[in-house]
Amino acid sequence: MMYDTFHAHIEEKNQEQAITASAGQFVHVHISENDRGTPGTGQVHWNGTFRALKQVKYDGWLTIEAFGRALPALAAATKVWRDLFPRPEEVYEQGLKFIKEKWATAG
């Protein structure tokens, strides 16, 4: 199973509780903002997310999932109608920095 912060932000009332309840069942985590832009620039409850991942001793991949308009068919399928980041490099430059900072400071 995969845990996806984009979908959890929409579907779960408490993302931290969702992670702890499914501990040991997921082997991969998608780090995705509520608009699928650069992680850390939106509304996902990141403190609780990273705290829970550490609490359950998650040690797998944290993969940034961000959508853009570079692939027109994918943009159409995912309803991406505007740029979600000023330049593609921001996603991995700022996203990786954000993930490392959150992981390091998670309780």
PDB file of N, CA and C in Angstrom:
ATOM      1  N   MET A   1       0.841  -1.174   0.000  1.00  0.00           N
ATOM      2  CA  MET A   1       0.000   0.000   0.000  1.00  0.00           C
ATOM      3  C   MET A   1       0.889   1.241   0.000  1.00  0.00           C
ATOM      4  N   MET A   2       0.371   2.304  -0.570  1.00  0.00           N
ATOM      5  CA  MET A   2       1.082   3.571  -0.611  1.00  0.00           C
ATOM      6  C   MET A   2       0.264   4.608   0.151  1.00  0.00           C
ATOM      7  N   TYR A   3       0.948   5.455   0.897  1.00  0.00           N
ATOM      8  CA  TYR A   3       0.303   6.587   1.557  1.00  0.00           C
ATOM      9  C   TYR A   3       0.567   7.819   0.707  1.00  0.00           C
ATOM     10  N   ASP A   4      -0.473   8.568   0.392  1.00  0.00           N
ATOM     11  CA  ASP A   4      -0.367   9.727  -0.485  1.00  0.00           C
ATOM     12  C   ASP A   4      -0.917  10.946   0.244  1.00  0.00           C
ATOM     13  N   THR A   5      -0.068  11.946   0.485  1.00  0.00           N
ATOM     14  CA  THR A   5      -0.489  13.109   1.268  1.00  0.00           C
ATOM     15  C   THR A   5      -1.542  13.950   0.547  1.00  0.00           C
ATOM     16  N   PHE A   6      -1.537  13.960  -0.780  1.00  0.00           N
ATOM     17  CA  PHE A   6      -2.567  14.685  -1.528  1.00  0.00           C
ATOM     18  C   PHE A   6      -3.942  14.092  -1.225  1.00  0.00           C
ATOM     19  N   HIS A   7      -4.067  12.793  -1.385  1.00  0.00           N
ATOM     20  CA  HIS A   7      -5.356  12.142  -1.153  1.00  0.00           C
ATOM     21  C   HIS A   7      -5.730  12.150   0.326  1.00  0.00           C
ATOM     22  N   ALA A   8      -4.763  11.971   1.190  1.00  0.00           N
ATOM     23  CA  ALA A   8      -5.056  12.002   2.628  1.00  0.00           C
ATOM     24  C   ALA A   8      -5.572  13.373   3.040  1.00  0.00           C
ATOM     25  N   HIS A   9      -5.029  14.428   2.453  1.00  0.00           N
ATOM     26  CA  HIS A   9      -5.486  15.782   2.763  1.00  0.00           C
ATOM     27  C   HIS A   9      -6.965  15.947   2.415  1.00  0.00           C
ATOM     28  N   ILE A  10      -7.392  15.287   1.364  1.00  0.00           N
ATOM     29  CA  ILE A  10      -8.789  15.377   0.926  1.00  0.00           C
ATOM     30  C   ILE A  10      -9.684  14.411   1.704  1.00  0.00           C
ATOM     31  N   GLU A  11      -9.210  13.181   1.893  1.00  0.00           N
ATOM     32  CA  GLU A  11     -10.080  12.103   2.357  1.00  0.00           C
ATOM     33  C   GLU A  11     -10.046  11.834   3.857  1.00  0.00           C
ATOM     34  N   GLU A  12      -8.994  12.222   4.535  1.00  0.00           N
ATOM     35  CA  GLU A  12      -8.852  11.913   5.960  1.00  0.00           C
ATOM     36  C   GLU A  12      -9.140  13.138   6.818  1.00  0.00           C
ATOM     37  N   LYS A  13      -9.842  12.934   7.902  1.00  0.00           N
ATOM     38  CA  LYS A  13     -10.088  14.027   8.835  1.00  0.00           C
ATOM     39  C   LYS A  13      -8.847  14.324   9.672  1.00  0.00           C
ATOM     40  N   ASN A  14      -7.999  13.319   9.864  1.00  0.00           N
ATOM     41  CA  ASN A  14      -6.791  13.465  10.671  1.00  0.00           C
ATOM     42  C   ASN A  14      -5.689  12.635  10.013  1.00  0.00           C
ATOM     43  N   GLN A  15      -4.778  13.304   9.313  1.00  0.00           N
ATOM     44  CA  GLN A  15      -3.732  12.599   8.576  1.00  0.00           C
ATOM     45  C   GLN A  15      -2.796  11.844   9.507  1.00  0.00           C
ATOM     46  N   GLU A  16      -2.492  12.422  10.650  1.00  0.00           N
ATOM     47  CA  GLU A  16      -1.599  11.771  11.607  1.00  0.00           C
ATOM     48  C   GLU A  16      -2.203  10.445  12.080  1.00  0.00           C
ATOM     49  N   GLN A  17      -3.466  10.468  12.386  1.00  0.00           N
ATOM     50  CA  GLN A  17      -4.164   9.259  12.827  1.00  0.00           C
ATOM     51  C   GLN A  17      -4.228   8.224  11.701  1.00  0.00           C
ATOM     52  N   ALA A  18      -4.412   8.678  10.475  1.00  0.00           N
ATOM     53  CA  ALA A  18      -4.459   7.753   9.335  1.00  0.00           C
ATOM     54  C   ALA A  18      -3.132   7.023   9.177  1.00  0.00           C
ATOM     55  N   ILE A  19      -2.036   7.735   9.374  1.00  0.00           N
ATOM     56  CA  ILE A  19      -0.713   7.109   9.261  1.00  0.00           C
ATOM     57  C   ILE A  19      -0.509   6.091  10.372  1.00  0.00           C
ATOM     58  N   THR A  20      -0.800   6.454  11.593  1.00  0.00           N
ATOM     59  CA  THR A  20      -0.583   5.520  12.704  1.00  0.00           C
ATOM     60  C   THR A  20      -1.510   4.308  12.603  1.00  0.00           C
ATOM     61  N   ALA A  21      -2.719   4.517  12.115  1.00  0.00           N
ATOM     62  CA  ALA A  21      -3.662   3.398  11.981  1.00  0.00           C
ATOM     63  C   ALA A  21      -3.236   2.411  10.894  1.00  0.00           C
ATOM     64  N   SER A  22      -2.500   2.888   9.909  1.00  0.00           N
ATOM     65  CA  SER A  22      -2.090   2.008   8.814  1.00  0.00           C
ATOM     66  C   SER A  22      -0.603   1.649   8.874  1.00  0.00           C
ATOM     67  N   ALA A  23       0.003   1.880  10.011  1.00  0.00           N
ATOM     68  CA  ALA A  23       1.431   1.571  10.180  1.00  0.00           C
ATOM     69  C   ALA A  23       1.703   0.116   9.822  1.00  0.00           C
ATOM     70  N   GLY A  24       2.783  -0.094   9.105  1.00  0.00           N
ATOM     71  CA  GLY A  24       3.165  -1.439   8.699  1.00  0.00           C
ATOM     72  C   GLY A  24       2.470  -1.923   7.441  1.00  0.00           C
ATOM     73  N   GLN A  25       1.489  -1.175   6.979  1.00  0.00           N
ATOM     74  CA  GLN A  25       0.756  -1.582   5.776  1.00  0.00           C
ATOM     75  C   GLN A  25       1.230  -0.860   4.530  1.00  0.00           C
ATOM     76  N   PHE A  26       1.874   0.287   4.698  1.00  0.00           N
ATOM     77  CA  PHE A  26       2.333   1.016   3.517  1.00  0.00           C
ATOM     78  C   PHE A  26       3.845   0.925   3.403  1.00  0.00           C
ATOM     79  N   VAL A  27       4.302   0.895   2.170  1.00  0.00           N
ATOM     80  CA  VAL A  27       5.731   0.725   1.898  1.00  0.00           C
ATOM     81  C   VAL A  27       6.300   1.881   1.090  1.00  0.00           C
ATOM     82  N   HIS A  28       5.459   2.864   0.798  1.00  0.00           N
ATOM     83  CA  HIS A  28       5.882   3.988  -0.030  1.00  0.00           C
ATOM     84  C   HIS A  28       5.023   5.194   0.336  1.00  0.00           C
ATOM     85  N   VAL A  29       5.616   6.391   0.313  1.00  0.00           N
ATOM     86  CA  VAL A  29       4.876   7.603   0.639  1.00  0.00           C
ATOM     87  C   VAL A  29       5.064   8.628  -0.482  1.00  0.00           C
ATOM     88  N   HIS A  30       3.952   9.129  -0.992  1.00  0.00           N
ATOM     89  CA  HIS A  30       3.982  10.246  -1.930  1.00  0.00           C
ATOM     90  C   HIS A  30       3.853  11.528  -1.124  1.00  0.00           C
ATOM     91  N   ILE A  31       4.817  12.408  -1.277  1.00  0.00           N
ATOM     92  CA  ILE A  31       4.775  13.723  -0.657  1.00  0.00           C
ATOM     93  C   ILE A  31       4.217  14.668  -1.713  1.00  0.00           C
ATOM     94  N   SER A  32       2.987  15.089  -1.511  1.00  0.00           N
ATOM     95  CA  SER A  32       2.303  15.900  -2.504  1.00  0.00           C
ATOM     96  C   SER A  32       1.482  16.968  -1.811  1.00  0.00           C
ATOM     97  N   GLU A  33       1.589  18.174  -2.295  1.00  0.00           N
ATOM     98  CA  GLU A  33       0.848  19.293  -1.710  1.00  0.00           C
ATOM     99  C   GLU A  33      -0.619  19.200  -2.109  1.00  0.00           C
ATOM    100  N   ASN A  34      -1.478  19.957  -1.445  1.00  0.00           N
ATOM    101  CA  ASN A  34      -2.908  19.891  -1.728  1.00  0.00           C
ATOM    102  C   ASN A  34      -3.249  20.269  -3.180  1.00  0.00           C
ATOM    103  N   ASP A  35      -2.394  21.059  -3.826  1.00  0.00           N
ATOM    104  CA  ASP A  35      -2.628  21.396  -5.226  1.00  0.00           C
ATOM    105  C   ASP A  35      -1.653  20.672  -6.149  1.00  0.00           C
ATOM    106  N   ARG A  36      -0.886  19.772  -5.592  1.00  0.00           N
ATOM    107  CA  ARG A  36       0.154  19.009  -6.285  1.00  0.00           C
ATOM    108  C   ARG A  36       1.284  19.896  -6.800  1.00  0.00           C
ATOM    109  N   GLY A  37       1.481  21.008  -6.118  1.00  0.00           N
ATOM    110  CA  GLY A  37       2.607  21.887  -6.412  1.00  0.00           C
ATOM    111  C   GLY A  37       3.790  21.512  -5.523  1.00  0.00           C
ATOM    112  N   THR A  38       4.664  22.461  -5.269  1.00  0.00           N
ATOM    113  CA  THR A  38       5.862  22.233  -4.461  1.00  0.00           C
ATOM    114  C   THR A  38       5.492  21.925  -3.019  1.00  0.00           C
ATOM    115  N   PRO A  39       5.975  20.822  -2.462  1.00  0.00           N
ATOM    116  CA  PRO A  39       5.683  20.506  -1.057  1.00  0.00           C
ATOM    117  C   PRO A  39       6.092  21.658  -0.130  1.00  0.00           C
ATOM    118  N   GLY A  40       5.197  21.967   0.801  1.00  0.00           N
ATOM    119  CA  GLY A  40       5.456  23.031   1.766  1.00  0.00           C
ATOM    120  C   GLY A  40       4.868  24.368   1.385  1.00  0.00           C
ATOM    121  N   THR A  41       4.188  24.431   0.246  1.00  0.00           N
ATOM    122  CA  THR A  41       3.651  25.714  -0.213  1.00  0.00           C
ATOM    123  C   THR A  41       2.131  25.781  -0.141  1.00  0.00           C
ATOM    124  N   GLY A  42       1.520  24.779   0.462  1.00  0.00           N
ATOM    125  CA  GLY A  42       0.056  24.726   0.465  1.00  0.00           C
ATOM    126  C   GLY A  42      -0.534  24.473   1.831  1.00  0.00           C
ATOM    127  N   GLN A  43      -1.485  23.544   1.885  1.00  0.00           N
ATOM    128  CA  GLN A  43      -2.312  23.356   3.068  1.00  0.00           C
ATOM    129  C   GLN A  43      -2.189  22.003   3.767  1.00  0.00           C
ATOM    130  N   VAL A  44      -1.369  21.110   3.273  1.00  0.00           N
ATOM    131  CA  VAL A  44      -1.228  19.795   3.911  1.00  0.00           C
ATOM    132  C   VAL A  44      -0.679  19.980   5.323  1.00  0.00           C
ATOM    133  N   HIS A  45      -1.148  19.183   6.247  1.00  0.00           N
ATOM    134  CA  HIS A  45      -0.715  19.248   7.652  1.00  0.00           C
ATOM    135  C   HIS A  45       0.605  18.485   7.799  1.00  0.00           C
ATOM    136  N   TRP A  46       1.683  19.151   7.441  1.00  0.00           N
ATOM    137  CA  TRP A  46       2.983  18.487   7.368  1.00  0.00           C
ATOM    138  C   TRP A  46       3.559  18.116   8.717  1.00  0.00           C
ATOM    139  N   ASN A  47       3.398  18.950   9.736  1.00  0.00           N
ATOM    140  CA  ASN A  47       3.990  18.619  11.038  1.00  0.00           C
ATOM    141  C   ASN A  47       3.466  17.281  11.548  1.00  0.00           C
ATOM    142  N   GLY A  48       2.160  17.104  11.511  1.00  0.00           N
ATOM    143  CA  GLY A  48       1.575  15.846  11.956  1.00  0.00           C
ATOM    144  C   GLY A  48       1.939  14.685  11.066  1.00  0.00           C
ATOM    145  N   THR A  49       2.031  14.937   9.774  1.00  0.00           N
ATOM    146  CA  THR A  49       2.394  13.885   8.826  1.00  0.00           C
ATOM    147  C   THR A  49       3.781  13.341   9.126  1.00  0.00           C
ATOM    148  N   PHE A  50       4.759  14.231   9.238  1.00  0.00           N
ATOM    149  CA  PHE A  50       6.129  13.783   9.490  1.00  0.00           C
ATOM    150  C   PHE A  50       6.298  13.228  10.906  1.00  0.00           C
ATOM    151  N   ARG A  51       5.607  13.806  11.865  1.00  0.00           N
ATOM    152  CA  ARG A  51       5.652  13.282  13.237  1.00  0.00           C
ATOM    153  C   ARG A  51       5.152  11.841  13.267  1.00  0.00           C
ATOM    154  N   ALA A  52       4.033  11.586  12.577  1.00  0.00           N
ATOM    155  CA  ALA A  52       3.466  10.231  12.552  1.00  0.00           C
ATOM    156  C   ALA A  52       4.367   9.263  11.797  1.00  0.00           C
ATOM    157  N   LEU A  53       4.946   9.695  10.692  1.00  0.00           N
ATOM    158  CA  LEU A  53       5.848   8.813   9.954  1.00  0.00           C
ATOM    159  C   LEU A  53       7.037   8.405  10.820  1.00  0.00           C
ATOM    160  N   LYS A  54       7.556   9.340  11.595  1.00  0.00           N
ATOM    161  CA  LYS A  54       8.660   9.005  12.498  1.00  0.00           C
ATOM    162  C   LYS A  54       8.178   8.099  13.626  1.00  0.00           C
ATOM    163  N   GLN A  55       7.003   8.386  14.137  1.00  0.00           N
ATOM    164  CA  GLN A  55       6.449   7.604  15.243  1.00  0.00           C
ATOM    165  C   GLN A  55       6.282   6.134  14.864  1.00  0.00           C
ATOM    166  N   VAL A  56       5.858   5.880  13.631  1.00  0.00           N
ATOM    167  CA  VAL A  56       5.664   4.491  13.201  1.00  0.00           C
ATOM    168  C   VAL A  56       6.946   3.886  12.628  1.00  0.00           C
ATOM    169  N   LYS A  57       8.035   4.661  12.725  1.00  0.00           N
ATOM    170  CA  LYS A  57       9.358   4.216  12.283  1.00  0.00           C
ATOM    171  C   LYS A  57       9.395   3.887  10.785  1.00  0.00           C
ATOM    172  N   TYR A  58       8.710   4.707  10.016  1.00  0.00           N
ATOM    173  CA  TYR A  58       8.738   4.547   8.561  1.00  0.00           C
ATOM    174  C   TYR A  58      10.154   4.809   8.070  1.00  0.00           C
ATOM    175  N   ASP A  59      10.683   3.915   7.252  1.00  0.00           N
ATOM    176  CA  ASP A  59      12.037   4.097   6.729  1.00  0.00           C
ATOM    177  C   ASP A  59      12.113   3.829   5.226  1.00  0.00           C
ATOM    178  N   GLY A  60      10.987   3.990   4.553  1.00  0.00           N
ATOM    179  CA  GLY A  60      10.956   3.784   3.110  1.00  0.00           C
ATOM    180  C   GLY A  60      11.119   5.083   2.345  1.00  0.00           C
ATOM    181  N   TRP A  61      10.761   5.034   1.086  1.00  0.00           N
ATOM    182  CA  TRP A  61      10.911   6.185   0.207  1.00  0.00           C
ATOM    183  C   TRP A  61       9.894   7.274   0.512  1.00  0.00           C
ATOM    184  N   LEU A  62      10.332   8.513   0.375  1.00  0.00           N
ATOM    185  CA  LEU A  62       9.468   9.688   0.369  1.00  0.00           C
ATOM    186  C   LEU A  62       9.649  10.306  -1.015  1.00  0.00           C
ATOM    187  N   THR A  63       8.660  10.176  -1.859  1.00  0.00           N
ATOM    188  CA  THR A  63       8.758  10.611  -3.243  1.00  0.00           C
ATOM    189  C   THR A  63       7.863  11.817  -3.485  1.00  0.00           C
ATOM    190  N   ILE A  64       8.436  12.870  -4.041  1.00  0.00           N
ATOM    191  CA  ILE A  64       7.634  14.046  -4.373  1.00  0.00           C
ATOM    192  C   ILE A  64       6.770  13.725  -5.580  1.00  0.00           C
ATOM    193  N   GLU A  65       5.488  14.004  -5.436  1.00  0.00           N
ATOM    194  CA  GLU A  65       4.556  13.870  -6.551  1.00  0.00           C
ATOM    195  C   GLU A  65       3.989  15.260  -6.833  1.00  0.00           C
ATOM    196  N   ALA A  66       4.436  15.859  -7.909  1.00  0.00           N
ATOM    197  CA  ALA A  66       3.958  17.182  -8.304  1.00  0.00           C
ATOM    198  C   ALA A  66       3.553  17.122  -9.775  1.00  0.00           C
ATOM    199  N   PHE A  67       2.504  17.817 -10.112  1.00  0.00           N
ATOM    200  CA  PHE A  67       2.010  17.813 -11.481  1.00  0.00           C
ATOM    201  C   PHE A  67       2.251  19.167 -12.120  1.00  0.00           C
ATOM    202  N   GLY A  68       2.499  19.140 -13.402  1.00  0.00           N
ATOM    203  CA  GLY A  68       2.673  20.365 -14.168  1.00  0.00           C
ATOM    204  C   GLY A  68       1.959  20.254 -15.495  1.00  0.00           C
ATOM    205  N   ARG A  69       2.302  21.156 -16.398  1.00  0.00           N
ATOM    206  CA  ARG A  69       1.650  21.167 -17.703  1.00  0.00           C
ATOM    207  C   ARG A  69       2.575  20.716 -18.827  1.00  0.00           C
ATOM    208  N   ALA A  70       3.732  20.165 -18.485  1.00  0.00           N
ATOM    209  CA  ALA A  70       4.708  19.766 -19.514  1.00  0.00           C
ATOM    210  C   ALA A  70       4.198  18.637 -20.400  1.00  0.00           C
ATOM    211  N   LEU A  71       3.381  17.759 -19.853  1.00  0.00           N
ATOM    212  CA  LEU A  71       2.800  16.661 -20.628  1.00  0.00           C
ATOM    213  C   LEU A  71       1.310  16.953 -20.810  1.00  0.00           C
ATOM    214  N   PRO A  72       0.919  17.488 -21.944  1.00  0.00           N
ATOM    215  CA  PRO A  72      -0.470  17.931 -22.134  1.00  0.00           C
ATOM    216  C   PRO A  72      -1.532  16.877 -21.837  1.00  0.00           C
ATOM    217  N   ALA A  73      -1.294  15.632 -22.211  1.00  0.00           N
ATOM    218  CA  ALA A  73      -2.295  14.593 -21.959  1.00  0.00           C
ATOM    219  C   ALA A  73      -2.469  14.349 -20.463  1.00  0.00           C
ATOM    220  N   LEU A  74      -1.364  14.320 -19.724  1.00  0.00           N
ATOM    221  CA  LEU A  74      -1.446  14.132 -18.276  1.00  0.00           C
ATOM    222  C   LEU A  74      -2.087  15.353 -17.619  1.00  0.00           C
ATOM    223  N   ALA A  75      -1.719  16.536 -18.069  1.00  0.00           N
ATOM    224  CA  ALA A  75      -2.314  17.761 -17.520  1.00  0.00           C
ATOM    225  C   ALA A  75      -3.825  17.758 -17.730  1.00  0.00           C
ATOM    226  N   ALA A  76      -4.262  17.337 -18.895  1.00  0.00           N
ATOM    227  CA  ALA A  76      -5.701  17.276 -19.169  1.00  0.00           C
ATOM    228  C   ALA A  76      -6.381  16.227 -18.291  1.00  0.00           C
ATOM    229  N   ALA A  77      -5.761  15.072 -18.152  1.00  0.00           N
ATOM    230  CA  ALA A  77      -6.351  13.989 -17.357  1.00  0.00           C
ATOM    231  C   ALA A  77      -6.437  14.342 -15.877  1.00  0.00           C
ATOM    232  N   THR A  78      -5.469  15.119 -15.398  1.00  0.00           N
ATOM    233  CA  THR A  78      -5.446  15.475 -13.971  1.00  0.00           C
ATOM    234  C   THR A  78      -6.022  16.862 -13.713  1.00  0.00           C
ATOM    235  N   LYS A  79      -6.544  17.481 -14.752  1.00  0.00           N
ATOM    236  CA  LYS A  79      -7.201  18.791 -14.656  1.00  0.00           C
ATOM    237  C   LYS A  79      -6.264  19.903 -14.196  1.00  0.00           C
ATOM    238  N   VAL A  80      -4.989  19.808 -14.577  1.00  0.00           N
ATOM    239  CA  VAL A  80      -4.033  20.867 -14.276  1.00  0.00           C
ATOM    240  C   VAL A  80      -4.200  21.946 -15.339  1.00  0.00           C
ATOM    241  N   TRP A  81      -4.697  23.085 -14.940  1.00  0.00           N
ATOM    242  CA  TRP A  81      -5.006  24.150 -15.893  1.00  0.00           C
ATOM    243  C   TRP A  81      -4.112  25.381 -15.723  1.00  0.00           C
ATOM    244  N   ARG A  82      -3.222  25.346 -14.706  1.00  0.00           N
ATOM    245  CA  ARG A  82      -2.340  26.475 -14.446  1.00  0.00           C
ATOM    246  C   ARG A  82      -1.015  25.962 -13.925  1.00  0.00           C
ATOM    247  N   ASP A  83      -0.017  26.794 -13.958  1.00  0.00           N
ATOM    248  CA  ASP A  83       1.280  26.413 -13.407  1.00  0.00           C
ATOM    249  C   ASP A  83       1.184  26.353 -11.890  1.00  0.00           C
ATOM    250  N   LEU A  84       1.688  25.280 -11.306  1.00  0.00           N
ATOM    251  CA  LEU A  84       1.629  25.089  -9.859  1.00  0.00           C
ATOM    252  C   LEU A  84       2.947  25.439  -9.179  1.00  0.00           C
ATOM    253  N   PHE A  85       3.931  25.812  -9.959  1.00  0.00           N
ATOM    254  CA  PHE A  85       5.233  26.232  -9.450  1.00  0.00           C
ATOM    255  C   PHE A  85       5.852  27.125 -10.522  1.00  0.00           C
ATOM    256  N   PRO A  86       6.679  28.087 -10.104  1.00  0.00           N
ATOM    257  CA  PRO A  86       7.226  29.037 -11.074  1.00  0.00           C
ATOM    258  C   PRO A  86       8.172  28.416 -12.099  1.00  0.00           C
ATOM    259  N   ARG A  87       8.882  27.366 -11.700  1.00  0.00           N
ATOM    260  CA  ARG A  87       9.784  26.659 -12.620  1.00  0.00           C
ATOM    261  C   ARG A  87       9.927  25.226 -12.116  1.00  0.00           C
ATOM    262  N   PRO A  88      10.095  24.265 -12.992  1.00  0.00           N
ATOM    263  CA  PRO A  88      10.142  22.855 -12.583  1.00  0.00           C
ATOM    264  C   PRO A  88      11.209  22.551 -11.538  1.00  0.00           C
ATOM    265  N   GLU A  89      12.350  23.212 -11.621  1.00  0.00           N
ATOM    266  CA  GLU A  89      13.432  22.935 -10.673  1.00  0.00           C
ATOM    267  C   GLU A  89      13.033  23.250  -9.228  1.00  0.00           C
ATOM    268  N   GLU A  90      12.100  24.176  -9.054  1.00  0.00           N
ATOM    269  CA  GLU A  90      11.673  24.511  -7.698  1.00  0.00           C
ATOM    270  C   GLU A  90      11.117  23.296  -6.967  1.00  0.00           C
ATOM    271  N   VAL A  91      10.418  22.443  -7.698  1.00  0.00           N
ATOM    272  CA  VAL A  91       9.795  21.276  -7.074  1.00  0.00           C
ATOM    273  C   VAL A  91      10.835  20.429  -6.358  1.00  0.00           C
ATOM    274  N   TYR A  92      11.918  20.090  -7.050  1.00  0.00           N
ATOM    275  CA  TYR A  92      12.905  19.227  -6.390  1.00  0.00           C
ATOM    276  C   TYR A  92      13.882  20.011  -5.528  1.00  0.00           C
ATOM    277  N   GLU A  93      14.211  21.233  -5.889  1.00  0.00           N
ATOM    278  CA  GLU A  93      15.125  22.012  -5.047  1.00  0.00           C
ATOM    279  C   GLU A  93      14.471  22.374  -3.710  1.00  0.00           C
ATOM    280  N   GLN A  94      13.325  23.040  -3.776  1.00  0.00           N
ATOM    281  CA  GLN A  94      12.644  23.461  -2.551  1.00  0.00           C
ATOM    282  C   GLN A  94      11.931  22.285  -1.876  1.00  0.00           C
ATOM    283  N   GLY A  95      11.397  21.378  -2.678  1.00  0.00           N
ATOM    284  CA  GLY A  95      10.707  20.220  -2.112  1.00  0.00           C
ATOM    285  C   GLY A  95      11.627  19.334  -1.295  1.00  0.00           C
ATOM    286  N   LEU A  96      12.805  19.041  -1.819  1.00  0.00           N
ATOM    287  CA  LEU A  96      13.762  18.212  -1.080  1.00  0.00           C
ATOM    288  C   LEU A  96      14.233  18.926   0.190  1.00  0.00           C
ATOM    289  N   LYS A  97      14.508  20.207   0.076  1.00  0.00           N
ATOM    290  CA  LYS A  97      14.913  20.991   1.255  1.00  0.00           C
ATOM    291  C   LYS A  97      13.811  20.945   2.319  1.00  0.00           C
ATOM    292  N   PHE A  98      12.574  21.120   1.904  1.00  0.00           N
ATOM    293  CA  PHE A  98      11.440  21.085   2.815  1.00  0.00           C
ATOM    294  C   PHE A  98      11.324  19.725   3.509  1.00  0.00           C
ATOM    295  N   ILE A  99      11.408  18.655   2.733  1.00  0.00           N
ATOM    296  CA  ILE A  99      11.299  17.304   3.300  1.00  0.00           C
ATOM    297  C   ILE A  99      12.405  17.059   4.323  1.00  0.00           C
ATOM    298  N   LYS A 100      13.617  17.415   3.988  1.00  0.00           N
ATOM    299  CA  LYS A 100      14.739  17.207   4.912  1.00  0.00           C
ATOM    300  C   LYS A 100      14.547  17.994   6.204  1.00  0.00           C
ATOM    301  N   GLU A 101      14.087  19.226   6.098  1.00  0.00           N
ATOM    302  CA  GLU A 101      13.862  20.050   7.288  1.00  0.00           C
ATOM    303  C   GLU A 101      12.747  19.464   8.145  1.00  0.00           C
ATOM    304  N   LYS A 102      11.657  19.080   7.532  1.00  0.00           N
ATOM    305  CA  LYS A 102      10.523  18.514   8.282  1.00  0.00           C
ATOM    306  C   LYS A 102      10.904  17.192   8.941  1.00  0.00           C
ATOM    307  N   TRP A 103      11.642  16.361   8.215  1.00  0.00           N
ATOM    308  CA  TRP A 103      12.053  15.074   8.775  1.00  0.00           C
ATOM    309  C   TRP A 103      12.970  15.284   9.979  1.00  0.00           C
ATOM    310  N   ALA A 104      13.898  16.218   9.847  1.00  0.00           N
ATOM    311  CA  ALA A 104      14.870  16.477  10.912  1.00  0.00           C
ATOM    312  C   ALA A 104      14.219  17.031  12.167  1.00  0.00           C
ATOM    313  N   THR A 105      13.128  17.777  12.012  1.00  0.00           N
ATOM    314  CA  THR A 105      12.509  18.425  13.173  1.00  0.00           C
ATOM    315  C   THR A 105      11.255  17.712  13.661  1.00  0.00           C
ATOM    316  N   ALA A 106      10.856  16.637  12.997  1.00  0.00           N
ATOM    317  CA  ALA A 106       9.646  15.911  13.420  1.00  0.00           C
ATOM    318  C   ALA A 106       9.889  15.250  14.769  1.00  0.00           C
ATOM    319  N   GLY A 107       8.880  15.335  15.633  1.00  0.00           N
ATOM    320  CA  GLY A 107       8.972  14.821  16.995  1.00  0.00           C
ATOM    321  C   GLY A 107       9.130  13.373  17.053  1.00  0.00           C
TER     322      GLY A 107
END
